[in-house]
Amino acid sequence: MKDARGYFTVSHTNDEFTKFELGFKQSSISYSKQKVFRGFHLQTNQWQLITLVEGSITDYLIDLDVNSPTFRMPIRLDLESHGLNQVLIPPTVAHAYFVNSPHSTIQYLHTEEYAPSLEIGISYKDEVFQNVVNFDLAEVTISKRDEALGSFDEALTRLHDLS
C-alpha cells in the first residue's frame, strides 16, 4: 500500500512458503556501506529469505548441490529496495552481495539459528565466479574472514563431509 507518506508492504506470510515447509527461527539485519562485498556463505542446515530493505545490491548465488540442474552455475541478480528485492535461498546455495548504493540494509529470515560449525564459504576469487563478479577488486571492501575463504571445490568437499 503506497500513499503520500511512503509505503507499507508485507514481506512474507507463512502460507507463501508452505510447499517448502519453512518455519523461520532467526531474523538478522545487515547494514553495509557502498562497495562492500560479503560472501560467499551458506549454512548447510538452513533456508534463508533475504529482503533488501534499503539500497541497491548485486546479489550472487551458486548451487553446490551436485544433483541440481543449476549445480556450479553462478547467478547474478540486481536487487533494488523498491523493485525486485527478495530471494529465497536453499541450504545448498552459497550467497554473496556487493553494495552499489551509498549503503544497504538487508533482513535475513533463517529457518535455523546460526551454527558456525555448519557454515561453508567460497572465495569470490575462485574461477567459477570469473564471468559473474562485476566489480573492481581494487575498490572492494571485504572482511579478512571473507578474503581467506577457500575454493569452490573445497566448499563442495566440506558440504559432502557435513552431509
N, C-alpha and C. Protein backbone atom coordinates (compact mmCIF):
# COMPACT_ATOMS: atom_id res chain seq x y z
N MET A 1 0.85 -1.16 0.00
CA MET A 1 0.00 0.00 0.00
C MET A 1 0.91 1.23 0.00
N LYS A 2 0.70 2.10 -0.97
CA LYS A 2 1.54 3.28 -1.12
C LYS A 2 0.66 4.52 -1.09
N ASP A 3 1.15 5.55 -0.38
CA ASP A 3 0.46 6.84 -0.37
C ASP A 3 1.49 7.95 -0.21
N ALA A 4 1.06 9.15 0.08
CA ALA A 4 1.96 10.30 0.16
C ALA A 4 3.02 10.16 1.25
N ARG A 5 2.75 9.36 2.28
CA ARG A 5 3.71 9.17 3.37
C ARG A 5 4.82 8.21 3.03
N GLY A 6 4.57 7.31 2.09
CA GLY A 6 5.52 6.25 1.75
C GLY A 6 4.78 4.99 1.38
N TYR A 7 5.20 3.86 1.95
CA TYR A 7 4.50 2.62 1.65
C TYR A 7 4.58 1.65 2.81
N PHE A 8 3.70 0.66 2.78
CA PHE A 8 3.68 -0.45 3.73
C PHE A 8 3.54 -1.70 2.89
N THR A 9 4.33 -2.71 3.18
CA THR A 9 4.22 -3.96 2.43
C THR A 9 4.43 -5.14 3.36
N VAL A 10 3.82 -6.24 3.05
CA VAL A 10 4.03 -7.50 3.77
C VAL A 10 5.21 -8.18 3.10
N SER A 11 6.26 -8.46 3.86
CA SER A 11 7.44 -9.06 3.26
C SER A 11 7.28 -10.56 3.05
N HIS A 12 6.51 -11.22 3.88
CA HIS A 12 6.21 -12.64 3.66
C HIS A 12 5.08 -13.06 4.58
N THR A 13 4.45 -14.14 4.21
CA THR A 13 3.49 -14.82 5.09
C THR A 13 3.87 -16.28 5.11
N ASN A 14 3.57 -16.96 6.18
CA ASN A 14 3.92 -18.38 6.26
C ASN A 14 3.25 -19.20 5.17
N ASP A 15 2.06 -18.80 4.74
CA ASP A 15 1.35 -19.53 3.68
C ASP A 15 2.12 -19.53 2.36
N GLU A 16 2.89 -18.48 2.10
CA GLU A 16 3.66 -18.41 0.85
C GLU A 16 4.68 -19.53 0.73
N PHE A 17 5.16 -20.02 1.85
CA PHE A 17 6.26 -20.97 1.84
C PHE A 17 5.85 -22.36 2.31
N THR A 18 4.56 -22.66 2.28
CA THR A 18 4.09 -23.96 2.78
C THR A 18 4.68 -25.12 1.99
N LYS A 19 4.89 -24.95 0.69
CA LYS A 19 5.44 -26.06 -0.09
C LYS A 19 6.88 -26.39 0.32
N PHE A 20 7.57 -25.44 0.94
CA PHE A 20 8.93 -25.68 1.42
C PHE A 20 8.96 -26.11 2.88
N GLU A 21 7.81 -26.04 3.56
CA GLU A 21 7.69 -26.38 4.98
C GLU A 21 8.73 -25.61 5.81
N LEU A 22 8.75 -24.30 5.62
CA LEU A 22 9.70 -23.45 6.33
C LEU A 22 9.06 -22.88 7.58
N GLY A 23 9.83 -22.75 8.61
CA GLY A 23 9.45 -22.05 9.82
C GLY A 23 10.67 -21.24 10.23
N PHE A 24 10.58 -19.94 10.17
CA PHE A 24 11.75 -19.11 10.44
C PHE A 24 12.01 -19.02 11.94
N LYS A 25 13.28 -19.23 12.34
CA LYS A 25 13.66 -19.25 13.75
C LYS A 25 14.61 -18.14 14.15
N GLN A 26 15.17 -17.44 13.17
CA GLN A 26 16.09 -16.35 13.48
C GLN A 26 15.91 -15.27 12.44
N SER A 27 16.00 -14.02 12.88
CA SER A 27 15.97 -12.87 11.99
C SER A 27 17.23 -12.06 12.23
N SER A 28 17.86 -11.62 11.14
CA SER A 28 19.09 -10.84 11.24
C SER A 28 19.00 -9.64 10.30
N ILE A 29 19.73 -8.58 10.63
CA ILE A 29 19.81 -7.39 9.80
C ILE A 29 21.27 -7.15 9.47
N SER A 30 21.55 -6.82 8.22
CA SER A 30 22.91 -6.49 7.79
C SER A 30 22.88 -5.10 7.17
N TYR A 31 23.69 -4.20 7.69
CA TYR A 31 23.86 -2.86 7.13
C TYR A 31 25.27 -2.80 6.55
N SER A 32 25.41 -2.35 5.32
CA SER A 32 26.72 -2.28 4.68
C SER A 32 26.85 -0.98 3.91
N LYS A 33 28.09 -0.52 3.83
CA LYS A 33 28.40 0.70 3.08
C LYS A 33 28.70 0.36 1.62
N GLN A 34 28.74 1.39 0.79
CA GLN A 34 28.99 1.23 -0.64
C GLN A 34 30.31 0.52 -0.89
N LYS A 35 30.32 -0.34 -1.90
CA LYS A 35 31.47 -1.12 -2.36
C LYS A 35 31.91 -2.19 -1.38
N VAL A 36 31.04 -2.54 -0.44
CA VAL A 36 31.30 -3.67 0.45
C VAL A 36 30.86 -4.95 -0.26
N PHE A 37 31.68 -5.98 -0.14
CA PHE A 37 31.33 -7.31 -0.65
C PHE A 37 31.27 -8.26 0.53
N ARG A 38 30.18 -9.01 0.63
CA ARG A 38 30.02 -10.01 1.69
C ARG A 38 29.72 -11.35 1.04
N GLY A 39 30.49 -12.36 1.41
CA GLY A 39 30.21 -13.70 0.91
C GLY A 39 31.44 -14.34 0.32
N PHE A 40 31.22 -15.45 -0.22
CA PHE A 40 30.08 -16.34 -0.42
C PHE A 40 29.93 -17.24 0.80
N HIS A 41 28.71 -17.30 1.36
CA HIS A 41 28.45 -18.10 2.56
C HIS A 41 27.22 -18.96 2.35
N LEU A 42 27.20 -20.08 3.06
CA LEU A 42 25.98 -20.86 3.18
C LEU A 42 26.00 -21.59 4.51
N GLN A 43 24.81 -21.82 5.05
CA GLN A 43 24.61 -22.64 6.25
C GLN A 43 23.95 -23.92 5.78
N THR A 44 24.59 -25.05 6.02
CA THR A 44 24.11 -26.32 5.48
C THR A 44 22.77 -26.77 6.05
N ASN A 45 22.33 -26.15 7.13
CA ASN A 45 21.11 -26.60 7.80
C ASN A 45 19.94 -25.63 7.65
N GLN A 46 20.07 -24.58 6.84
CA GLN A 46 19.00 -23.59 6.85
C GLN A 46 18.69 -22.98 5.49
N TRP A 47 17.42 -22.69 5.33
CA TRP A 47 16.95 -21.84 4.25
C TRP A 47 17.07 -20.40 4.74
N GLN A 48 17.25 -19.47 3.80
CA GLN A 48 17.29 -18.06 4.15
C GLN A 48 16.40 -17.29 3.18
N LEU A 49 15.60 -16.42 3.73
CA LEU A 49 14.84 -15.47 2.92
C LEU A 49 15.49 -14.12 3.14
N ILE A 50 16.10 -13.57 2.09
CA ILE A 50 16.71 -12.25 2.24
C ILE A 50 15.81 -11.22 1.58
N THR A 51 15.69 -10.08 2.26
CA THR A 51 14.91 -8.96 1.74
C THR A 51 15.77 -7.71 1.79
N LEU A 52 15.99 -7.12 0.64
CA LEU A 52 16.70 -5.85 0.58
C LEU A 52 15.73 -4.76 1.00
N VAL A 53 15.95 -4.20 2.17
CA VAL A 53 15.06 -3.20 2.74
C VAL A 53 15.39 -1.80 2.21
N GLU A 54 16.69 -1.54 2.02
CA GLU A 54 17.13 -0.22 1.59
C GLU A 54 18.37 -0.36 0.73
N GLY A 55 18.40 0.35 -0.39
CA GLY A 55 19.59 0.40 -1.21
C GLY A 55 19.50 -0.39 -2.50
N SER A 56 20.69 -0.65 -3.04
CA SER A 56 20.84 -1.36 -4.30
C SER A 56 22.05 -2.28 -4.16
N ILE A 57 21.88 -3.55 -4.49
CA ILE A 57 22.98 -4.52 -4.41
C ILE A 57 23.00 -5.39 -5.66
N THR A 58 24.15 -5.97 -5.90
CA THR A 58 24.24 -7.07 -6.84
C THR A 58 24.38 -8.32 -6.00
N ASP A 59 23.43 -9.23 -6.19
CA ASP A 59 23.35 -10.45 -5.40
C ASP A 59 23.93 -11.59 -6.23
N TYR A 60 24.68 -12.47 -5.58
CA TYR A 60 25.30 -13.60 -6.26
C TYR A 60 24.91 -14.89 -5.54
N LEU A 61 24.61 -15.92 -6.34
CA LEU A 61 24.22 -17.22 -5.80
C LEU A 61 24.97 -18.30 -6.58
N ILE A 62 25.32 -19.39 -5.87
CA ILE A 62 25.88 -20.55 -6.57
C ILE A 62 25.44 -21.81 -5.85
N ASP A 63 24.97 -22.77 -6.63
CA ASP A 63 24.41 -24.02 -6.12
C ASP A 63 25.51 -25.07 -5.98
N LEU A 64 25.63 -25.65 -4.80
CA LEU A 64 26.60 -26.71 -4.55
C LEU A 64 25.97 -28.10 -4.52
N ASP A 65 24.71 -28.21 -4.89
CA ASP A 65 24.01 -29.50 -4.92
C ASP A 65 24.34 -30.20 -6.23
N VAL A 66 25.15 -31.27 -6.15
CA VAL A 66 25.60 -31.97 -7.36
C VAL A 66 24.44 -32.58 -8.14
N ASN A 67 23.29 -32.78 -7.52
CA ASN A 67 22.11 -33.34 -8.19
C ASN A 67 21.19 -32.28 -8.77
N SER A 68 21.53 -31.03 -8.64
CA SER A 68 20.69 -29.94 -9.10
C SER A 68 21.02 -29.58 -10.55
N PRO A 69 20.02 -29.20 -11.34
CA PRO A 69 20.31 -28.76 -12.70
C PRO A 69 21.09 -27.44 -12.75
N THR A 70 21.14 -26.70 -11.63
CA THR A 70 21.89 -25.44 -11.59
C THR A 70 23.23 -25.58 -10.86
N PHE A 71 23.67 -26.83 -10.65
CA PHE A 71 24.95 -27.08 -9.97
C PHE A 71 26.08 -26.31 -10.65
N ARG A 72 26.85 -25.62 -9.83
CA ARG A 72 28.07 -24.90 -10.24
C ARG A 72 27.82 -23.76 -11.23
N MET A 73 26.55 -23.34 -11.32
CA MET A 73 26.20 -22.26 -12.26
C MET A 73 25.95 -20.98 -11.46
N PRO A 74 26.91 -20.06 -11.42
CA PRO A 74 26.70 -18.83 -10.66
C PRO A 74 25.60 -17.96 -11.29
N ILE A 75 24.85 -17.31 -10.43
CA ILE A 75 23.77 -16.43 -10.86
C ILE A 75 24.01 -15.05 -10.27
N ARG A 76 23.78 -14.03 -11.07
CA ARG A 76 23.89 -12.65 -10.60
C ARG A 76 22.54 -11.97 -10.76
N LEU A 77 22.06 -11.33 -9.68
CA LEU A 77 20.79 -10.61 -9.70
C LEU A 77 21.02 -9.19 -9.22
N ASP A 78 20.42 -8.23 -9.88
CA ASP A 78 20.46 -6.85 -9.40
C ASP A 78 19.20 -6.61 -8.60
N LEU A 79 19.37 -6.29 -7.33
CA LEU A 79 18.24 -6.05 -6.43
C LEU A 79 18.15 -4.58 -6.06
N GLU A 80 16.94 -4.08 -6.05
CA GLU A 80 16.64 -2.70 -5.65
C GLU A 80 15.59 -2.76 -4.56
N SER A 81 15.73 -1.91 -3.55
CA SER A 81 14.77 -1.94 -2.44
C SER A 81 13.35 -1.62 -2.88
N HIS A 82 13.19 -0.92 -4.01
CA HIS A 82 11.85 -0.57 -4.49
C HIS A 82 11.49 -1.33 -5.76
N GLY A 83 12.10 -2.48 -5.96
CA GLY A 83 11.80 -3.31 -7.12
C GLY A 83 11.95 -4.76 -6.70
N LEU A 84 12.67 -5.55 -7.50
CA LEU A 84 12.99 -6.92 -7.10
C LEU A 84 13.84 -6.83 -5.85
N ASN A 85 13.35 -7.37 -4.74
CA ASN A 85 14.10 -7.16 -3.50
C ASN A 85 14.12 -8.37 -2.57
N GLN A 86 13.73 -9.55 -3.06
CA GLN A 86 13.66 -10.70 -2.17
C GLN A 86 14.16 -11.95 -2.88
N VAL A 87 14.93 -12.78 -2.14
CA VAL A 87 15.44 -14.03 -2.68
C VAL A 87 15.33 -15.09 -1.59
N LEU A 88 14.80 -16.27 -1.97
CA LEU A 88 14.74 -17.42 -1.07
C LEU A 88 15.88 -18.34 -1.43
N ILE A 89 16.74 -18.63 -0.44
CA ILE A 89 17.98 -19.36 -0.70
C ILE A 89 17.95 -20.70 0.04
N PRO A 90 18.05 -21.82 -0.71
CA PRO A 90 18.08 -23.14 -0.07
C PRO A 90 19.42 -23.44 0.60
N PRO A 91 19.49 -24.48 1.42
CA PRO A 91 20.70 -24.78 2.19
C PRO A 91 21.95 -25.12 1.37
N THR A 92 21.80 -25.51 0.12
CA THR A 92 22.98 -25.88 -0.68
C THR A 92 23.44 -24.75 -1.61
N VAL A 93 22.89 -23.56 -1.43
CA VAL A 93 23.25 -22.44 -2.29
C VAL A 93 24.02 -21.39 -1.47
N ALA A 94 25.21 -21.05 -1.96
CA ALA A 94 26.03 -20.03 -1.31
C ALA A 94 25.59 -18.66 -1.83
N HIS A 95 25.63 -17.68 -0.93
CA HIS A 95 25.11 -16.34 -1.21
C HIS A 95 26.19 -15.29 -0.94
N ALA A 96 26.19 -14.26 -1.78
CA ALA A 96 27.08 -13.11 -1.59
C ALA A 96 26.40 -11.88 -2.17
N TYR A 97 26.90 -10.71 -1.79
CA TYR A 97 26.39 -9.49 -2.42
C TYR A 97 27.42 -8.38 -2.37
N PHE A 98 27.24 -7.45 -3.32
CA PHE A 98 28.07 -6.26 -3.44
C PHE A 98 27.15 -5.05 -3.38
N VAL A 99 27.50 -4.05 -2.58
CA VAL A 99 26.64 -2.88 -2.38
C VAL A 99 26.97 -1.82 -3.43
N ASN A 100 25.96 -1.48 -4.23
CA ASN A 100 26.10 -0.47 -5.29
C ASN A 100 25.74 0.93 -4.81
N SER A 101 24.77 1.03 -3.92
CA SER A 101 24.27 2.32 -3.43
C SER A 101 25.14 2.82 -2.28
N PRO A 102 24.93 4.06 -1.80
CA PRO A 102 25.74 4.56 -0.68
C PRO A 102 25.71 3.66 0.55
N HIS A 103 24.64 2.90 0.74
CA HIS A 103 24.55 1.89 1.80
C HIS A 103 23.38 0.97 1.49
N SER A 104 23.32 -0.15 2.21
CA SER A 104 22.20 -1.08 2.04
C SER A 104 21.84 -1.68 3.40
N THR A 105 20.58 -2.07 3.51
CA THR A 105 20.10 -2.79 4.68
C THR A 105 19.38 -4.03 4.18
N ILE A 106 19.78 -5.18 4.71
CA ILE A 106 19.18 -6.46 4.32
C ILE A 106 18.66 -7.15 5.56
N GLN A 107 17.44 -7.68 5.46
CA GLN A 107 16.88 -8.50 6.53
C GLN A 107 16.99 -9.96 6.08
N TYR A 108 17.47 -10.79 6.98
CA TYR A 108 17.55 -12.23 6.75
C TYR A 108 16.56 -12.92 7.67
N LEU A 109 15.79 -13.84 7.13
CA LEU A 109 15.00 -14.76 7.94
C LEU A 109 15.61 -16.14 7.73
N HIS A 110 15.94 -16.81 8.83
CA HIS A 110 16.63 -18.11 8.78
C HIS A 110 15.71 -19.19 9.37
N THR A 111 15.74 -20.35 8.75
CA THR A 111 14.92 -21.46 9.28
C THR A 111 15.57 -22.14 10.48
N GLU A 112 16.84 -21.86 10.71
CA GLU A 112 17.56 -22.39 11.88
C GLU A 112 18.44 -21.28 12.43
N GLU A 113 18.80 -21.39 13.70
CA GLU A 113 19.72 -20.43 14.28
C GLU A 113 21.12 -20.66 13.73
N TYR A 114 21.90 -19.60 13.70
CA TYR A 114 23.25 -19.65 13.16
C TYR A 114 24.10 -20.67 13.92
N ALA A 115 24.81 -21.51 13.17
CA ALA A 115 25.70 -22.51 13.75
C ALA A 115 27.03 -22.43 13.00
N PRO A 116 28.05 -21.83 13.60
CA PRO A 116 29.34 -21.65 12.90
C PRO A 116 29.91 -22.95 12.33
N SER A 117 29.68 -24.07 13.02
CA SER A 117 30.23 -25.35 12.55
C SER A 117 29.57 -25.83 11.26
N LEU A 118 28.43 -25.25 10.89
CA LEU A 118 27.71 -25.67 9.68
C LEU A 118 27.82 -24.64 8.55
N GLU A 119 28.72 -23.67 8.72
CA GLU A 119 28.90 -22.65 7.69
C GLU A 119 29.99 -23.07 6.72
N ILE A 120 29.76 -22.76 5.47
CA ILE A 120 30.72 -23.03 4.40
C ILE A 120 30.91 -21.73 3.62
N GLY A 121 32.13 -21.47 3.18
CA GLY A 121 32.40 -20.27 2.41
C GLY A 121 33.21 -20.56 1.17
N ILE A 122 33.07 -19.68 0.19
CA ILE A 122 33.80 -19.79 -1.07
C ILE A 122 34.38 -18.42 -1.40
N SER A 123 35.61 -18.39 -1.85
CA SER A 123 36.25 -17.13 -2.22
C SER A 123 35.65 -16.57 -3.51
N TYR A 124 35.43 -15.26 -3.51
CA TYR A 124 34.96 -14.59 -4.72
C TYR A 124 36.01 -14.62 -5.83
N LYS A 125 37.24 -14.99 -5.48
CA LYS A 125 38.31 -15.06 -6.48
C LYS A 125 38.35 -16.40 -7.22
N ASP A 126 37.53 -17.36 -6.78
CA ASP A 126 37.50 -18.67 -7.42
C ASP A 126 37.12 -18.53 -8.90
N GLU A 127 37.71 -19.33 -9.74
CA GLU A 127 37.47 -19.24 -11.19
C GLU A 127 36.01 -19.44 -11.59
N VAL A 128 35.23 -20.11 -10.77
CA VAL A 128 33.82 -20.35 -11.09
C VAL A 128 33.03 -19.04 -11.17
N PHE A 129 33.53 -17.99 -10.51
CA PHE A 129 32.84 -16.70 -10.50
C PHE A 129 33.41 -15.69 -11.50
N GLN A 130 34.37 -16.12 -12.30
CA GLN A 130 35.07 -15.22 -13.21
C GLN A 130 34.14 -14.38 -14.08
N ASN A 131 33.09 -14.96 -14.57
CA ASN A 131 32.21 -14.25 -15.51
C ASN A 131 31.03 -13.55 -14.86
N VAL A 132 30.86 -13.67 -13.54
CA VAL A 132 29.70 -13.02 -12.91
C VAL A 132 30.06 -11.91 -11.93
N VAL A 133 31.21 -12.00 -11.29
CA VAL A 133 31.61 -10.96 -10.34
C VAL A 133 32.01 -9.73 -11.16
N ASN A 134 31.24 -8.66 -11.00
CA ASN A 134 31.39 -7.50 -11.87
C ASN A 134 31.74 -6.22 -11.11
N PHE A 135 32.69 -6.30 -10.22
CA PHE A 135 33.14 -5.10 -9.51
C PHE A 135 34.65 -5.03 -9.56
N ASP A 136 35.18 -3.85 -9.35
CA ASP A 136 36.62 -3.62 -9.38
C ASP A 136 37.23 -4.13 -8.08
N LEU A 137 38.04 -5.16 -8.18
CA LEU A 137 38.64 -5.78 -6.99
C LEU A 137 39.50 -4.80 -6.21
N ALA A 138 40.05 -3.80 -6.87
CA ALA A 138 40.90 -2.82 -6.19
C ALA A 138 40.08 -1.89 -5.30
N GLU A 139 38.79 -1.76 -5.56
CA GLU A 139 37.96 -0.83 -4.80
C GLU A 139 37.04 -1.50 -3.78
N VAL A 140 37.03 -2.81 -3.73
CA VAL A 140 36.10 -3.53 -2.87
C VAL A 140 36.57 -3.51 -1.41
N THR A 141 35.61 -3.43 -0.50
CA THR A 141 35.89 -3.59 0.93
C THR A 141 35.36 -4.96 1.32
N ILE A 142 36.25 -5.77 1.88
CA ILE A 142 35.90 -7.15 2.23
C ILE A 142 36.55 -7.50 3.55
N SER A 143 35.89 -8.31 4.34
CA SER A 143 36.45 -8.70 5.64
C SER A 143 37.64 -9.65 5.46
N LYS A 144 38.49 -9.69 6.46
CA LYS A 144 39.62 -10.63 6.44
C LYS A 144 39.11 -12.06 6.37
N ARG A 145 38.02 -12.32 7.07
CA ARG A 145 37.41 -13.66 7.07
C ARG A 145 36.99 -14.06 5.65
N ASP A 146 36.30 -13.17 4.95
CA ASP A 146 35.86 -13.48 3.59
C ASP A 146 37.03 -13.54 2.62
N GLU A 147 38.03 -12.72 2.84
CA GLU A 147 39.21 -12.72 1.99
C GLU A 147 39.94 -14.06 2.07
N ALA A 148 39.84 -14.75 3.20
CA ALA A 148 40.56 -16.00 3.42
C ALA A 148 39.76 -17.25 3.01
N LEU A 149 38.56 -17.08 2.48
CA LEU A 149 37.75 -18.24 2.11
C LEU A 149 38.43 -19.05 1.01
N GLY A 150 38.11 -20.34 0.97
CA GLY A 150 38.75 -21.26 0.02
C GLY A 150 38.01 -21.39 -1.30
N SER A 151 38.35 -22.42 -2.03
CA SER A 151 37.83 -22.63 -3.38
C SER A 151 36.44 -23.28 -3.37
N PHE A 152 35.82 -23.25 -4.54
CA PHE A 152 34.54 -23.92 -4.72
C PHE A 152 34.68 -25.41 -4.42
N ASP A 153 35.73 -26.04 -4.94
CA ASP A 153 35.93 -27.48 -4.72
C ASP A 153 36.13 -27.81 -3.25
N GLU A 154 36.83 -26.95 -2.51
CA GLU A 154 36.99 -27.17 -1.06
C GLU A 154 35.64 -27.07 -0.35
N ALA A 155 34.83 -26.11 -0.76
CA ALA A 155 33.49 -25.95 -0.17
C ALA A 155 32.62 -27.17 -0.48
N LEU A 156 32.73 -27.67 -1.70
CA LEU A 156 31.97 -28.85 -2.09
C LEU A 156 32.36 -30.06 -1.24
N THR A 157 33.64 -30.24 -1.00
CA THR A 157 34.13 -31.33 -0.15
C THR A 157 33.60 -31.17 1.27
N ARG A 158 33.64 -29.95 1.79
CA ARG A 158 33.14 -29.70 3.16
C ARG A 158 31.64 -29.98 3.25
N LEU A 159 30.90 -29.57 2.23
CA LEU A 159 29.45 -29.85 2.21
C LEU A 159 29.20 -31.35 2.23
N HIS A 160 29.95 -32.09 1.45
CA HIS A 160 29.82 -33.55 1.42
C HIS A 160 30.16 -34.15 2.78
N ASP A 161 31.21 -33.65 3.42
CA ASP A 161 31.62 -34.16 4.73
C ASP A 161 30.55 -33.88 5.80
N LEU A 162 29.85 -32.76 5.69
CA LEU A 162 28.82 -32.41 6.68
C LEU A 162 27.49 -33.12 6.42
N SER A 163 27.33 -33.69 5.23
CA SER A 163 26.05 -34.34 4.88
C SER A 163 25.94 -35.72 5.51
